Amino acid sequence: MTFRTEVWFRSRPPVLLCVAVFVVVIAAGLPVVVPAARYLDDPDPELYLLLLFGGLFAGWLVHNVMLRQVSAPAWGFCDVCPALRSRLVGTAVTCFLLTVCSCALYVPFVLPEQVGGDELSPFQAIVRWAVAVAPGVFAIVGAVLLAFARWSVLAGGVAGKDGTVVLRRPVLEFVRAIAELGRAAEKA
């Protein structure tokens, strides 16, 4: 073990919550991608994106209410985990910067059509659609990468129902280091 830090292991979300979030993503996300699937009178995709993010936020709130956490004050990590975490955090920060940059493109590409500008060419319509969707895509990818960069996820553990830590997929180097610590404790 080359690195130790406090880790908060979290329980898994309930299956019904995952199914509900999946239904919200399909119901509100599909009309953004496929205009023929729109079931509301408002033709703008921003309303569906608002419904999508509102549903995801509600799912996040329910998950956090039902969450169990277990603290491990000095969890050990091998050399692989800090390097992987730094790469994930760096990529997530890049995604969040691209979110800001793509939001800045909204004004010159999308706003003129909304205030009554000229008719858009097919290329401009594709660029408008990409500019309207890109901030959401970059933000979601950045949030997912930050979620995978948590120490508890890198350790591969979750909080059990009885307050223990359950390792789901430990790194091979970690298993070897734990075995060496166990052998050293038996000899002492």
C-alpha atoms as a PDB file:
ATOM      1  CA  MET A   1       0.000   0.000   0.000  1.00  0.00           C
ATOM      2  CA  THR A   2       1.564   3.250  -1.107  1.00  0.00           C
ATOM      3  CA  PHE A   3      -1.299   5.624  -0.411  1.00  0.00           C
ATOM      4  CA  ARG A   4      -3.876   5.831   2.397  1.00  0.00           C
ATOM      5  CA  THR A   5      -6.905   8.078   2.669  1.00  0.00           C
ATOM      6  CA  GLU A   6     -10.334   8.180   4.262  1.00  0.00           C
ATOM      7  CA  VAL A   7     -12.951   6.578   2.032  1.00  0.00           C
ATOM      8  CA  TRP A   8     -16.729   6.737   2.337  1.00  0.00           C
ATOM      9  CA  PHE A   9     -18.290   3.656   0.808  1.00  0.00           C
ATOM     10  CA  ARG A  10     -21.869   4.139  -0.393  1.00  0.00           C
ATOM     11  CA  SER A  11     -24.667   1.633  -0.903  1.00  0.00           C
ATOM     12  CA  ARG A  12     -25.994   0.775  -4.330  1.00  0.00           C
ATOM     13  CA  PRO A  13     -29.172   2.478  -5.560  1.00  0.00           C
ATOM     14  CA  PRO A  14     -32.364   0.379  -5.449  1.00  0.00           C
ATOM     15  CA  VAL A  15     -33.312  -1.405  -8.672  1.00  0.00           C
ATOM     16  CA  LEU A  16     -36.714   0.317  -8.849  1.00  0.00           C
ATOM     17  CA  LEU A  17     -35.000   3.716  -8.736  1.00  0.00           C
ATOM     18  CA  CYS A  18     -32.730   2.699 -11.616  1.00  0.00           C
ATOM     19  CA  VAL A  19     -35.746   1.575 -13.653  1.00  0.00           C
ATOM     20  CA  ALA A  20     -37.570   4.855 -12.920  1.00  0.00           C
ATOM     21  CA  VAL A  21     -34.554   6.920 -14.031  1.00  0.00           C
ATOM     22  CA  PHE A  22     -34.295   4.814 -17.205  1.00  0.00           C
ATOM     23  CA  VAL A  23     -37.971   5.503 -17.996  1.00  0.00           C
ATOM     24  CA  VAL A  24     -37.474   9.249 -17.420  1.00  0.00           C
ATOM     25  CA  VAL A  25     -34.431   9.273 -19.715  1.00  0.00           C
ATOM     26  CA  ILE A  26     -36.346   7.531 -22.503  1.00  0.00           C
ATOM     27  CA  ALA A  27     -39.550   9.558 -22.056  1.00  0.00           C
ATOM     28  CA  ALA A  28     -37.832  12.948 -21.990  1.00  0.00           C
ATOM     29  CA  GLY A  29     -34.691  12.205 -24.010  1.00  0.00           C
ATOM     30  CA  LEU A  30     -36.192  10.488 -27.041  1.00  0.00           C
ATOM     31  CA  PRO A  31     -38.244  13.534 -28.171  1.00  0.00           C
ATOM     32  CA  VAL A  32     -35.039  15.611 -28.163  1.00  0.00           C
ATOM     33  CA  VAL A  33     -33.332  13.235 -30.588  1.00  0.00           C
ATOM     34  CA  VAL A  34     -36.374  12.214 -32.660  1.00  0.00           C
ATOM     35  CA  PRO A  35     -38.697  15.174 -33.314  1.00  0.00           C
ATOM     36  CA  ALA A  36     -41.505  12.854 -34.482  1.00  0.00           C
ATOM     37  CA  ALA A  37     -41.653  11.383 -30.966  1.00  0.00           C
ATOM     38  CA  ARG A  38     -42.629  14.694 -29.370  1.00  0.00           C
ATOM     39  CA  TYR A  39     -45.808  14.322 -27.378  1.00  0.00           C
ATOM     40  CA  LEU A  40     -46.191  17.898 -26.104  1.00  0.00           C
ATOM     41  CA  ASP A  41     -47.423  20.878 -28.110  1.00  0.00           C
ATOM     42  CA  ASP A  42     -44.189  22.809 -27.548  1.00  0.00           C
ATOM     43  CA  PRO A  43     -41.785  21.913 -30.382  1.00  0.00           C
ATOM     44  CA  ASP A  44     -38.623  23.170 -28.657  1.00  0.00           C
ATOM     45  CA  PRO A  45     -36.202  20.491 -27.397  1.00  0.00           C
ATOM     46  CA  GLU A  46     -35.297  22.675 -24.405  1.00  0.00           C
ATOM     47  CA  LEU A  47     -38.558  21.733 -22.667  1.00  0.00           C
ATOM     48  CA  TYR A  48     -37.759  18.037 -22.994  1.00  0.00           C
ATOM     49  CA  LEU A  49     -34.238  18.662 -21.705  1.00  0.00           C
ATOM     50  CA  LEU A  50     -35.763  20.491 -18.725  1.00  0.00           C
ATOM     51  CA  LEU A  51     -38.036  17.491 -18.070  1.00  0.00           C
ATOM     52  CA  LEU A  52     -35.045  15.146 -18.403  1.00  0.00           C
ATOM     53  CA  PHE A  53     -32.857  17.046 -15.951  1.00  0.00           C
ATOM     54  CA  GLY A  54     -35.790  17.539 -13.557  1.00  0.00           C
ATOM     55  CA  GLY A  55     -36.409  13.777 -13.514  1.00  0.00           C
ATOM     56  CA  LEU A  56     -32.718  13.016 -13.064  1.00  0.00           C
ATOM     57  CA  PHE A  57     -32.546  15.512 -10.201  1.00  0.00           C
ATOM     58  CA  ALA A  58     -35.565  13.884  -8.524  1.00  0.00           C
ATOM     59  CA  GLY A  59     -33.900  10.458  -8.886  1.00  0.00           C
ATOM     60  CA  TRP A  60     -30.692  11.831  -7.393  1.00  0.00           C
ATOM     61  CA  LEU A  61     -32.625  13.225  -4.410  1.00  0.00           C
ATOM     62  CA  VAL A  62     -34.410   9.911  -3.776  1.00  0.00           C
ATOM     63  CA  HIS A  63     -31.114   8.027  -4.012  1.00  0.00           C
ATOM     64  CA  ASN A  64     -29.442  10.331  -1.506  1.00  0.00           C
ATOM     65  CA  VAL A  65     -32.330   9.925   0.936  1.00  0.00           C
ATOM     66  CA  MET A  66     -32.045   6.122   0.774  1.00  0.00           C
ATOM     67  CA  LEU A  67     -28.225   6.103   0.843  1.00  0.00           C
ATOM     68  CA  ARG A  68     -26.163   4.206   3.440  1.00  0.00           C
ATOM     69  CA  GLN A  69     -22.525   5.142   4.018  1.00  0.00           C
ATOM     70  CA  VAL A  70     -19.646   3.366   5.746  1.00  0.00           C
ATOM     71  CA  SER A  71     -16.400   5.164   6.603  1.00  0.00           C
ATOM     72  CA  ALA A  72     -12.971   3.564   6.291  1.00  0.00           C
ATOM     73  CA  PRO A  73     -10.556   6.012   7.988  1.00  0.00           C
ATOM     74  CA  ALA A  74      -7.287   4.787   6.416  1.00  0.00           C
ATOM     75  CA  TRP A  75      -8.059   2.716   3.334  1.00  0.00           C
ATOM     76  CA  GLY A  76      -4.929   1.697   1.442  1.00  0.00           C
ATOM     77  CA  PHE A  77      -4.423   2.029  -2.286  1.00  0.00           C
ATOM     78  CA  CYS A  78      -1.758   0.688  -4.617  1.00  0.00           C
ATOM     79  CA  ASP A  79       0.010   2.810  -7.260  1.00  0.00           C
ATOM     80  CA  VAL A  80      -2.627   2.126  -9.924  1.00  0.00           C
ATOM     81  CA  CYS A  81      -5.563   3.901  -8.230  1.00  0.00           C
ATOM     82  CA  PRO A  82      -4.110   7.434  -7.717  1.00  0.00           C
ATOM     83  CA  ALA A  83      -2.839   7.487 -11.316  1.00  0.00           C
ATOM     84  CA  LEU A  84      -6.222   6.351 -12.639  1.00  0.00           C
ATOM     85  CA  ARG A  85      -8.013   8.911 -10.469  1.00  0.00           C
ATOM     86  CA  SER A  86      -5.854  11.778 -11.732  1.00  0.00           C
ATOM     87  CA  ARG A  87      -6.563  10.792 -15.362  1.00  0.00           C
ATOM     88  CA  LEU A  88     -10.317  10.586 -14.702  1.00  0.00           C
ATOM     89  CA  VAL A  89     -10.414  13.952 -12.913  1.00  0.00           C
ATOM     90  CA  GLY A  90      -8.361  15.599 -15.678  1.00  0.00           C
ATOM     91  CA  THR A  91     -10.699  14.272 -18.362  1.00  0.00           C
ATOM     92  CA  ALA A  92     -13.772  15.360 -16.362  1.00  0.00           C
ATOM     93  CA  VAL A  93     -12.382  18.898 -15.974  1.00  0.00           C
ATOM     94  CA  THR A  94     -11.780  18.987 -19.742  1.00  0.00           C
ATOM     95  CA  CYS A  95     -15.417  17.944 -20.322  1.00  0.00           C
ATOM     96  CA  PHE A  96     -16.663  20.706 -18.015  1.00  0.00           C
ATOM     97  CA  LEU A  97     -14.517  23.277 -19.857  1.00  0.00           C
ATOM     98  CA  LEU A  98     -15.956  22.027 -23.157  1.00  0.00           C
ATOM     99  CA  THR A  99     -19.425  22.465 -21.627  1.00  0.00           C
ATOM    100  CA  VAL A 100     -18.708  26.133 -20.995  1.00  0.00           C
ATOM    101  CA  CYS A 101     -17.203  26.604 -24.468  1.00  0.00           C
ATOM    102  CA  SER A 102     -20.156  24.927 -26.173  1.00  0.00           C
ATOM    103  CA  CYS A 103     -22.577  27.090 -24.152  1.00  0.00           C
ATOM    104  CA  ALA A 104     -20.752  30.142 -25.515  1.00  0.00           C
ATOM    105  CA  LEU A 105     -21.508  28.922 -29.049  1.00  0.00           C
ATOM    106  CA  TYR A 106     -25.248  29.038 -28.297  1.00  0.00           C
ATOM    107  CA  VAL A 107     -25.415  32.810 -28.844  1.00  0.00           C
ATOM    108  CA  PRO A 108     -24.052  33.002 -32.417  1.00  0.00           C
ATOM    109  CA  PHE A 109     -25.619  29.764 -33.705  1.00  0.00           C
ATOM    110  CA  VAL A 110     -28.958  29.251 -31.931  1.00  0.00           C
ATOM    111  CA  LEU A 111     -30.067  32.675 -30.723  1.00  0.00           C
ATOM    112  CA  PRO A 112     -30.391  34.335 -34.192  1.00  0.00           C
ATOM    113  CA  GLU A 113     -33.053  31.802 -35.242  1.00  0.00           C
ATOM    114  CA  GLN A 114     -35.001  32.324 -32.031  1.00  0.00           C
ATOM    115  CA  VAL A 115     -35.102  36.111 -32.467  1.00  0.00           C
ATOM    116  CA  GLY A 116     -36.213  35.855 -36.107  1.00  0.00           C
ATOM    117  CA  GLY A 117     -33.014  35.666 -38.117  1.00  0.00           C
ATOM    118  CA  ASP A 118     -32.663  34.413 -41.687  1.00  0.00           C
ATOM    119  CA  GLU A 119     -33.625  30.921 -42.866  1.00  0.00           C
ATOM    120  CA  LEU A 120     -31.028  28.343 -41.858  1.00  0.00           C
ATOM    121  CA  SER A 121     -29.210  26.159 -44.355  1.00  0.00           C
ATOM    122  CA  PRO A 122     -29.097  22.397 -43.652  1.00  0.00           C
ATOM    123  CA  PHE A 123     -25.515  22.729 -42.393  1.00  0.00           C
ATOM    124  CA  GLN A 124     -26.495  25.541 -40.049  1.00  0.00           C
ATOM    125  CA  ALA A 125     -29.428  23.460 -38.782  1.00  0.00           C
ATOM    126  CA  ILE A 126     -27.064  20.565 -37.987  1.00  0.00           C
ATOM    127  CA  VAL A 127     -24.656  22.941 -36.246  1.00  0.00           C
ATOM    128  CA  ARG A 128     -27.581  24.471 -34.303  1.00  0.00           C
ATOM    129  CA  TRP A 129     -28.708  21.032 -33.142  1.00  0.00           C
ATOM    130  CA  ALA A 130     -25.150  20.024 -32.171  1.00  0.00           C
ATOM    131  CA  VAL A 131     -24.607  23.279 -30.265  1.00  0.00           C
ATOM    132  CA  ALA A 132     -27.898  22.840 -28.410  1.00  0.00           C
ATOM    133  CA  VAL A 133     -27.095  19.241 -27.391  1.00  0.00           C
ATOM    134  CA  ALA A 134     -23.311  19.459 -26.833  1.00  0.00           C
ATOM    135  CA  PRO A 135     -23.379  21.193 -23.409  1.00  0.00           C
ATOM    136  CA  GLY A 136     -25.628  18.491 -21.987  1.00  0.00           C
ATOM    137  CA  VAL A 137     -23.495  15.698 -23.415  1.00  0.00           C
ATOM    138  CA  PHE A 138     -20.254  17.199 -22.102  1.00  0.00           C
ATOM    139  CA  ALA A 139     -21.789  17.860 -18.674  1.00  0.00           C
ATOM    140  CA  ILE A 140     -23.140  14.312 -18.370  1.00  0.00           C
ATOM    141  CA  VAL A 141     -19.831  12.754 -19.458  1.00  0.00           C
ATOM    142  CA  GLY A 142     -17.932  14.966 -16.985  1.00  0.00           C
ATOM    143  CA  ALA A 143     -20.299  14.047 -14.141  1.00  0.00           C
ATOM    144  CA  VAL A 144     -19.998  10.330 -14.906  1.00  0.00           C
ATOM    145  CA  LEU A 145     -16.204  10.557 -15.022  1.00  0.00           C
ATOM    146  CA  LEU A 146     -16.168  12.370 -11.668  1.00  0.00           C
ATOM    147  CA  ALA A 147     -18.413   9.664 -10.224  1.00  0.00           C
ATOM    148  CA  PHE A 148     -15.947   6.991 -11.345  1.00  0.00           C
ATOM    149  CA  ALA A 149     -13.053   9.026  -9.904  1.00  0.00           C
ATOM    150  CA  ARG A 150     -14.313   8.673  -6.312  1.00  0.00           C
ATOM    151  CA  TRP A 151     -11.977   6.721  -4.056  1.00  0.00           C
ATOM    152  CA  SER A 152     -14.699   4.251  -3.084  1.00  0.00           C
ATOM    153  CA  VAL A 153     -15.401   3.406  -6.721  1.00  0.00           C
ATOM    154  CA  LEU A 154     -11.700   2.989  -7.441  1.00  0.00           C
ATOM    155  CA  ALA A 155     -11.423   0.671  -4.437  1.00  0.00           C
ATOM    156  CA  GLY A 156     -14.307  -1.362  -5.853  1.00  0.00           C
ATOM    157  CA  GLY A 157     -16.384  -1.469  -2.677  1.00  0.00           C
ATOM    158  CA  VAL A 158     -19.923  -0.683  -1.584  1.00  0.00           C
ATOM    159  CA  ALA A 159     -21.550  -0.302   1.809  1.00  0.00           C
ATOM    160  CA  GLY A 160     -23.284  -3.439   2.985  1.00  0.00           C
ATOM    161  CA  LYS A 161     -26.619  -3.571   4.792  1.00  0.00           C
ATOM    162  CA  ASP A 162     -24.967  -4.408   8.114  1.00  0.00           C
ATOM    163  CA  GLY A 163     -22.407  -1.568   8.062  1.00  0.00           C
ATOM    164  CA  THR A 164     -19.571  -3.513   6.440  1.00  0.00           C
ATOM    165  CA  VAL A 165     -17.664  -2.869   3.232  1.00  0.00           C
ATOM    166  CA  VAL A 166     -18.206  -5.334   0.397  1.00  0.00           C
ATOM    167  CA  LEU A 167     -15.473  -5.422  -2.258  1.00  0.00           C
ATOM    168  CA  ARG A 168     -16.976  -6.079  -5.672  1.00  0.00           C
ATOM    169  CA  ARG A 169     -13.973  -5.948  -7.970  1.00  0.00           C
ATOM    170  CA  PRO A 170     -10.701  -5.249  -6.176  1.00  0.00           C
ATOM    171  CA  VAL A 171      -7.554  -4.530  -8.189  1.00  0.00           C
ATOM    172  CA  LEU A 172      -5.138  -7.476  -8.307  1.00  0.00           C
ATOM    173  CA  GLU A 173      -2.284  -5.418  -6.811  1.00  0.00           C
ATOM    174  CA  PHE A 174      -4.539  -4.494  -3.885  1.00  0.00           C
ATOM    175  CA  VAL A 175      -5.385  -8.151  -3.215  1.00  0.00           C
ATOM    176  CA  ARG A 176      -1.671  -9.042  -3.261  1.00  0.00           C
ATOM    177  CA  ALA A 177      -0.827  -6.208  -0.864  1.00  0.00           C
ATOM    178  CA  ILE A 178      -3.599  -7.263   1.551  1.00  0.00           C
ATOM    179  CA  ALA A 179      -2.342 -10.863   1.441  1.00  0.00           C
ATOM    180  CA  GLU A 180       1.192  -9.664   2.247  1.00  0.00           C
ATOM    181  CA  LEU A 181      -0.117  -7.582   5.161  1.00  0.00           C
ATOM    182  CA  GLY A 182      -2.018 -10.633   6.451  1.00  0.00           C
ATOM    183  CA  ARG A 183       1.103 -12.815   6.256  1.00  0.00           C
ATOM    184  CA  ALA A 184       3.156 -10.146   8.022  1.00  0.00           C
ATOM    185  CA  ALA A 185       0.521  -9.892  10.790  1.00  0.00           C
ATOM    186  CA  GLU A 186       0.535 -13.679  11.264  1.00  0.00           C
ATOM    187  CA  LYS A 187       4.340 -13.757  11.615  1.00  0.00           C
ATOM    188  CA  ALA A 188       4.332 -10.967  14.220  1.00  0.00           C
END
